[in-house]
């Protein structure tokens, strides 16, 4: 699910609670790898940060992905 507000662009990924903690522990590595892949694909969308949400994880990007 992708949402856009006045100042935030978010992608919410549903994930179970066991995997959330594992994913957040290595979030810096995930952000780096995903941004590298996005740059290699010549995408203008880059990931700013990841944080946990009651339903899963939330990824905040610099632009809305279509």
PDB file of N, CA and C in Angstrom:
ATOM      1  N   UNK A   1       0.856  -1.168   0.000  1.00  0.00           N
ATOM      2  CA  UNK A   1       0.000   0.000   0.000  1.00  0.00           C
ATOM      3  C   UNK A   1       0.900   1.229   0.000  1.00  0.00           C
ATOM      4  N   UNK A   2       0.622   2.202  -0.842  1.00  0.00           N
ATOM      5  CA  UNK A   2       1.390   3.439  -0.924  1.00  0.00           C
ATOM      6  C   UNK A   2       0.475   4.595  -0.566  1.00  0.00           C
ATOM      7  N   UNK A   3       0.974   5.489   0.285  1.00  0.00           N
ATOM      8  CA  UNK A   3       0.194   6.671   0.649  1.00  0.00           C
ATOM      9  C   UNK A   3       1.027   7.916   0.415  1.00  0.00           C
ATOM     10  N   UNK A   4       0.369   9.035   0.215  1.00  0.00           N
ATOM     11  CA  UNK A   4       1.069  10.292   0.022  1.00  0.00           C
ATOM     12  C   UNK A   4       0.369  11.355   0.841  1.00  0.00           C
ATOM     13  N   UNK A   5       1.125  12.029   1.673  1.00  0.00           N
ATOM     14  CA  UNK A   5       0.606  13.150   2.441  1.00  0.00           C
ATOM     15  C   UNK A   5       1.280  14.420   1.968  1.00  0.00           C
ATOM     16  N   UNK A   6       1.071  15.510   2.683  1.00  0.00           N
ATOM     17  CA  UNK A   6       1.666  16.778   2.274  1.00  0.00           C
ATOM     18  C   UNK A   6       3.183  16.751   2.360  1.00  0.00           C
ATOM     19  N   UNK A   7       3.727  15.992   3.329  1.00  0.00           N
ATOM     20  CA  UNK A   7       5.179  15.969   3.467  1.00  0.00           C
ATOM     21  C   UNK A   7       5.764  14.566   3.538  1.00  0.00           C
ATOM     22  N   UNK A   8       4.942  13.512   3.454  1.00  0.00           N
ATOM     23  CA  UNK A   8       5.439  12.141   3.607  1.00  0.00           C
ATOM     24  C   UNK A   8       4.990  11.255   2.457  1.00  0.00           C
ATOM     25  N   UNK A   9       5.899  10.406   2.049  1.00  0.00           N
ATOM     26  CA  UNK A   9       5.593   9.371   1.080  1.00  0.00           C
ATOM     27  C   UNK A   9       5.911   8.054   1.756  1.00  0.00           C
ATOM     28  N   UNK A  10       4.943   7.171   1.866  1.00  0.00           N
ATOM     29  CA  UNK A  10       5.120   5.963   2.661  1.00  0.00           C
ATOM     30  C   UNK A  10       4.696   4.731   1.888  1.00  0.00           C
ATOM     31  N   UNK A  11       5.427   3.660   2.122  1.00  0.00           N
ATOM     32  CA  UNK A  11       5.044   2.341   1.644  1.00  0.00           C
ATOM     33  C   UNK A  11       4.911   1.484   2.884  1.00  0.00           C
ATOM     34  N   UNK A  12       3.749   0.909   3.123  1.00  0.00           N
ATOM     35  CA  UNK A  12       3.522   0.070   4.296  1.00  0.00           C
ATOM     36  C   UNK A  12       3.551  -1.380   3.832  1.00  0.00           C
ATOM     37  N   UNK A  13       4.428  -2.176   4.439  1.00  0.00           N
ATOM     38  CA  UNK A  13       4.584  -3.576   4.072  1.00  0.00           C
ATOM     39  C   UNK A  13       4.094  -4.424   5.233  1.00  0.00           C
ATOM     40  N   UNK A  14       3.073  -5.231   4.995  1.00  0.00           N
ATOM     41  CA  UNK A  14       2.550  -6.109   6.032  1.00  0.00           C
ATOM     42  C   UNK A  14       3.529  -7.256   6.257  1.00  0.00           C
ATOM     43  N   UNK A  15       3.867  -7.493   7.520  1.00  0.00           N
ATOM     44  CA  UNK A  15       4.844  -8.517   7.872  1.00  0.00           C
ATOM     45  C   UNK A  15       4.532  -8.975   9.294  1.00  0.00           C
ATOM     46  N   UNK A  16       4.778 -10.238   9.609  1.00  0.00           N
ATOM     47  CA  UNK A  16       4.446 -10.709  10.961  1.00  0.00           C
ATOM     48  C   UNK A  16       5.449 -10.178  11.987  1.00  0.00           C
ATOM     49  N   UNK A  17       5.072 -10.179  13.251  1.00  0.00           N
ATOM     50  CA  UNK A  17       5.860  -9.541  14.303  1.00  0.00           C
ATOM     51  C   UNK A  17       7.214 -10.192  14.519  1.00  0.00           C
ATOM     52  N   UNK A  18       7.342 -11.491  14.263  1.00  0.00           N
ATOM     53  CA  UNK A  18       8.635 -12.160  14.412  1.00  0.00           C
ATOM     54  C   UNK A  18       9.663 -11.607  13.427  1.00  0.00           C
ATOM     55  N   UNK A  19       9.217 -11.370  12.225  1.00  0.00           N
ATOM     56  CA  UNK A  19      10.136 -10.877  11.198  1.00  0.00           C
ATOM     57  C   UNK A  19      10.406  -9.384  11.315  1.00  0.00           C
ATOM     58  N   UNK A  20       9.505  -8.635  11.949  1.00  0.00           N
ATOM     59  CA  UNK A  20       9.705  -7.191  12.094  1.00  0.00           C
ATOM     60  C   UNK A  20      10.986  -6.904  12.861  1.00  0.00           C
ATOM     61  N   UNK A  21      11.169  -7.554  14.005  1.00  0.00           N
ATOM     62  CA  UNK A  21      12.342  -7.273  14.825  1.00  0.00           C
ATOM     63  C   UNK A  21      13.629  -7.659  14.091  1.00  0.00           C
ATOM     64  N   UNK A  22      13.617  -8.760  13.361  1.00  0.00           N
ATOM     65  CA  UNK A  22      14.792  -9.161  12.585  1.00  0.00           C
ATOM     66  C   UNK A  22      15.101  -8.159  11.476  1.00  0.00           C
ATOM     67  N   UNK A  23      14.059  -7.674  10.843  1.00  0.00           N
ATOM     68  CA  UNK A  23      14.249  -6.729   9.740  1.00  0.00           C
ATOM     69  C   UNK A  23      14.751  -5.381  10.256  1.00  0.00           C
ATOM     70  N   UNK A  24      14.182  -4.907  11.358  1.00  0.00           N
ATOM     71  CA  UNK A  24      14.565  -3.604  11.912  1.00  0.00           C
ATOM     72  C   UNK A  24      16.004  -3.624  12.428  1.00  0.00           C
ATOM     73  N   UNK A  25      16.465  -4.750  12.984  1.00  0.00           N
ATOM     74  CA  UNK A  25      17.848  -4.845  13.475  1.00  0.00           C
ATOM     75  C   UNK A  25      18.844  -4.539  12.366  1.00  0.00           C
ATOM     76  N   UNK A  26      18.543  -4.949  11.164  1.00  0.00           N
ATOM     77  CA  UNK A  26      19.441  -4.747  10.023  1.00  0.00           C
ATOM     78  C   UNK A  26      18.915  -3.691   9.063  1.00  0.00           C
ATOM     79  N   UNK A  27      18.146  -2.734   9.562  1.00  0.00           N
ATOM     80  CA  UNK A  27      17.497  -1.772   8.672  1.00  0.00           C
ATOM     81  C   UNK A  27      18.492  -0.922   7.896  1.00  0.00           C
ATOM     82  N   UNK A  28      19.621  -0.571   8.490  1.00  0.00           N
ATOM     83  CA  UNK A  28      20.607   0.229   7.771  1.00  0.00           C
ATOM     84  C   UNK A  28      21.133  -0.529   6.554  1.00  0.00           C
ATOM     85  N   UNK A  29      21.388  -1.804   6.714  1.00  0.00           N
ATOM     86  CA  UNK A  29      21.857  -2.632   5.607  1.00  0.00           C
ATOM     87  C   UNK A  29      20.779  -2.727   4.532  1.00  0.00           C
ATOM     88  N   UNK A  30      19.524  -2.904   4.957  1.00  0.00           N
ATOM     89  CA  UNK A  30      18.422  -3.013   3.994  1.00  0.00           C
ATOM     90  C   UNK A  30      18.236  -1.710   3.219  1.00  0.00           C
ATOM     91  N   UNK A  31      18.296  -0.572   3.913  1.00  0.00           N
ATOM     92  CA  UNK A  31      18.142   0.728   3.244  1.00  0.00           C
ATOM     93  C   UNK A  31      19.248   0.918   2.209  1.00  0.00           C
ATOM     94  N   UNK A  32      20.480   0.598   2.598  1.00  0.00           N
ATOM     95  CA  UNK A  32      21.611   0.742   1.688  1.00  0.00           C
ATOM     96  C   UNK A  32      21.452  -0.143   0.455  1.00  0.00           C
ATOM     97  N   UNK A  33      21.102  -1.408   0.664  1.00  0.00           N
ATOM     98  CA  UNK A  33      20.959  -2.336  -0.463  1.00  0.00           C
ATOM     99  C   UNK A  33      19.799  -1.970  -1.378  1.00  0.00           C
ATOM    100  N   UNK A  34      18.676  -1.577  -0.793  1.00  0.00           N
ATOM    101  CA  UNK A  34      17.510  -1.202  -1.609  1.00  0.00           C
ATOM    102  C   UNK A  34      17.804   0.064  -2.401  1.00  0.00           C
ATOM    103  N   UNK A  35      18.438   1.057  -1.759  1.00  0.00           N
ATOM    104  CA  UNK A  35      18.770   2.287  -2.485  1.00  0.00           C
ATOM    105  C   UNK A  35      19.776   2.020  -3.600  1.00  0.00           C
ATOM    106  N   UNK A  36      20.727   1.118  -3.385  1.00  0.00           N
ATOM    107  CA  UNK A  36      21.681   0.756  -4.435  1.00  0.00           C
ATOM    108  C   UNK A  36      20.932   0.135  -5.620  1.00  0.00           C
ATOM    109  N   UNK A  37      19.983  -0.748  -5.329  1.00  0.00           N
ATOM    110  CA  UNK A  37      19.204  -1.374  -6.393  1.00  0.00           C
ATOM    111  C   UNK A  37      18.343  -0.357  -7.130  1.00  0.00           C
ATOM    112  N   UNK A  38      17.757   0.562  -6.405  1.00  0.00           N
ATOM    113  CA  UNK A  38      16.943   1.602  -7.041  1.00  0.00           C
ATOM    114  C   UNK A  38      17.800   2.494  -7.935  1.00  0.00           C
ATOM    115  N   UNK A  39      19.008   2.857  -7.478  1.00  0.00           N
ATOM    116  CA  UNK A  39      19.899   3.666  -8.313  1.00  0.00           C
ATOM    117  C   UNK A  39      20.314   2.899  -9.569  1.00  0.00           C
ATOM    118  N   UNK A  40      20.621   1.602  -9.408  1.00  0.00           N
ATOM    119  CA  UNK A  40      21.007   0.786 -10.566  1.00  0.00           C
ATOM    120  C   UNK A  40      19.873   0.688 -11.587  1.00  0.00           C
ATOM    121  N   UNK A  41      18.632   0.745 -11.109  1.00  0.00           N
ATOM    122  CA  UNK A  41      17.463   0.713 -11.992  1.00  0.00           C
ATOM    123  C   UNK A  41      17.110   2.099 -12.514  1.00  0.00           C
ATOM    124  N   UNK A  42      17.947   3.090 -12.167  1.00  0.00           N
ATOM    125  CA  UNK A  42      17.747   4.486 -12.586  1.00  0.00           C
ATOM    126  C   UNK A  42      16.410   5.041 -12.128  1.00  0.00           C
ATOM    127  N   UNK A  43      16.008   4.625 -10.922  1.00  0.00           N
ATOM    128  CA  UNK A  43      14.761   5.113 -10.341  1.00  0.00           C
ATOM    129  C   UNK A  43      15.021   6.434  -9.622  1.00  0.00           C
ATOM    130  N   UNK A  44      14.039   7.308  -9.648  1.00  0.00           N
ATOM    131  CA  UNK A  44      14.142   8.564  -8.901  1.00  0.00           C
ATOM    132  C   UNK A  44      13.688   8.384  -7.462  1.00  0.00           C
ATOM    133  N   UNK A  45      13.091   7.245  -7.154  1.00  0.00           N
ATOM    134  CA  UNK A  45      12.611   6.958  -5.807  1.00  0.00           C
ATOM    135  C   UNK A  45      13.772   6.389  -4.995  1.00  0.00           C
ATOM    136  N   UNK A  46      14.013   6.964  -3.803  1.00  0.00           N
ATOM    137  CA  UNK A  46      15.001   6.455  -2.865  1.00  0.00           C
ATOM    138  C   UNK A  46      14.359   6.319  -1.497  1.00  0.00           C
ATOM    139  N   UNK A  47      14.835   5.383  -0.744  1.00  0.00           N
ATOM    140  CA  UNK A  47      14.301   5.119   0.584  1.00  0.00           C
ATOM    141  C   UNK A  47      14.983   6.049   1.585  1.00  0.00           C
ATOM    142  N   UNK A  48      14.183   6.724   2.428  1.00  0.00           N
ATOM    143  CA  UNK A  48      14.738   7.592   3.459  1.00  0.00           C
ATOM    144  C   UNK A  48      14.998   6.813   4.745  1.00  0.00           C
ATOM    145  N   UNK A  49      13.978   6.132   5.242  1.00  0.00           N
ATOM    146  CA  UNK A  49      14.160   5.334   6.453  1.00  0.00           C
ATOM    147  C   UNK A  49      13.048   4.311   6.597  1.00  0.00           C
ATOM    148  N   UNK A  50      13.262   3.375   7.544  1.00  0.00           N
ATOM    149  CA  UNK A  50      12.308   2.304   7.843  1.00  0.00           C
ATOM    150  C   UNK A  50      11.975   2.398   9.324  1.00  0.00           C
ATOM    151  N   UNK A  51      10.707   2.204   9.682  1.00  0.00           N
ATOM    152  CA  UNK A  51      10.364   2.043  11.095  1.00  0.00           C
ATOM    153  C   UNK A  51       9.207   1.069  11.228  1.00  0.00           C
ATOM    154  N   UNK A  52       9.098   0.496  12.434  1.00  0.00           N
ATOM    155  CA  UNK A  52       8.051  -0.508  12.633  1.00  0.00           C
ATOM    156  C   UNK A  52       6.713   0.155  12.867  1.00  0.00           C
ATOM    157  N   UNK A  53       5.678  -0.518  12.439  1.00  0.00           N
ATOM    158  CA  UNK A  53       4.295  -0.065  12.501  1.00  0.00           C
ATOM    159  C   UNK A  53       3.515  -1.226  13.111  1.00  0.00           C
ATOM    160  N   UNK A  54       2.385  -0.984  13.779  1.00  0.00           N
ATOM    161  CA  UNK A  54       1.628  -2.107  14.357  1.00  0.00           C
ATOM    162  C   UNK A  54       1.245  -3.189  13.338  1.00  0.00           C
ATOM    163  N   UNK A  55       1.079  -2.822  12.079  1.00  0.00           N
ATOM    164  CA  UNK A  55       0.697  -3.786  11.053  1.00  0.00           C
ATOM    165  C   UNK A  55       1.882  -4.393  10.323  1.00  0.00           C
ATOM    166  N   UNK A  56       3.034  -3.772  10.400  1.00  0.00           N
ATOM    167  CA  UNK A  56       4.196  -4.253   9.666  1.00  0.00           C
ATOM    168  C   UNK A  56       5.325  -3.265   9.782  1.00  0.00           C
ATOM    169  N   UNK A  57       5.981  -2.992   8.668  1.00  0.00           N
ATOM    170  CA  UNK A  57       7.022  -1.982   8.646  1.00  0.00           C
ATOM    171  C   UNK A  57       6.605  -0.883   7.688  1.00  0.00           C
ATOM    172  N   UNK A  58       7.086   0.329   7.950  1.00  0.00           N
ATOM    173  CA  UNK A  58       6.770   1.462   7.101  1.00  0.00           C
ATOM    174  C   UNK A  58       8.070   1.970   6.500  1.00  0.00           C
ATOM    175  N   UNK A  59       8.091   2.117   5.209  1.00  0.00           N
ATOM    176  CA  UNK A  59       9.242   2.644   4.500  1.00  0.00           C
ATOM    177  C   UNK A  59       8.870   4.020   3.978  1.00  0.00           C
ATOM    178  N   UNK A  60       9.658   5.013   4.355  1.00  0.00           N
ATOM    179  CA  UNK A  60       9.409   6.379   3.906  1.00  0.00           C
ATOM    180  C   UNK A  60      10.382   6.673   2.777  1.00  0.00           C
ATOM    181  N   UNK A  61       9.855   7.133   1.637  1.00  0.00           N
ATOM    182  CA  UNK A  61      10.656   7.387   0.454  1.00  0.00           C
ATOM    183  C   UNK A  61      10.673   8.881   0.116  1.00  0.00           C
ATOM    184  N   UNK A  62      11.572   9.263  -0.772  1.00  0.00           N
ATOM    185  CA  UNK A  62      11.658  10.658  -1.170  1.00  0.00           C
ATOM    186  C   UNK A  62      10.568  11.057  -2.164  1.00  0.00           C
ATOM    187  N   UNK A  63      10.018  10.077  -2.877  1.00  0.00           N
ATOM    188  CA  UNK A  63       8.928  10.306  -3.839  1.00  0.00           C
ATOM    189  C   UNK A  63       7.952   9.157  -3.747  1.00  0.00           C
ATOM    190  N   UNK A  64       6.789   9.349  -4.303  1.00  0.00           N
ATOM    191  CA  UNK A  64       5.790   8.296  -4.341  1.00  0.00           C
ATOM    192  C   UNK A  64       6.122   7.351  -5.476  1.00  0.00           C
ATOM    193  N   UNK A  65       6.181   6.059  -5.178  1.00  0.00           N
ATOM    194  CA  UNK A  65       6.423   5.083  -6.242  1.00  0.00           C
ATOM    195  C   UNK A  65       5.096   4.735  -6.903  1.00  0.00           C
ATOM    196  N   UNK A  66       5.121   4.650  -8.197  1.00  0.00           N
ATOM    197  CA  UNK A  66       3.878   4.349  -8.927  1.00  0.00           C
ATOM    198  C   UNK A  66       3.865   2.938  -9.416  1.00  0.00           C
TER     199      UNK A  66
END
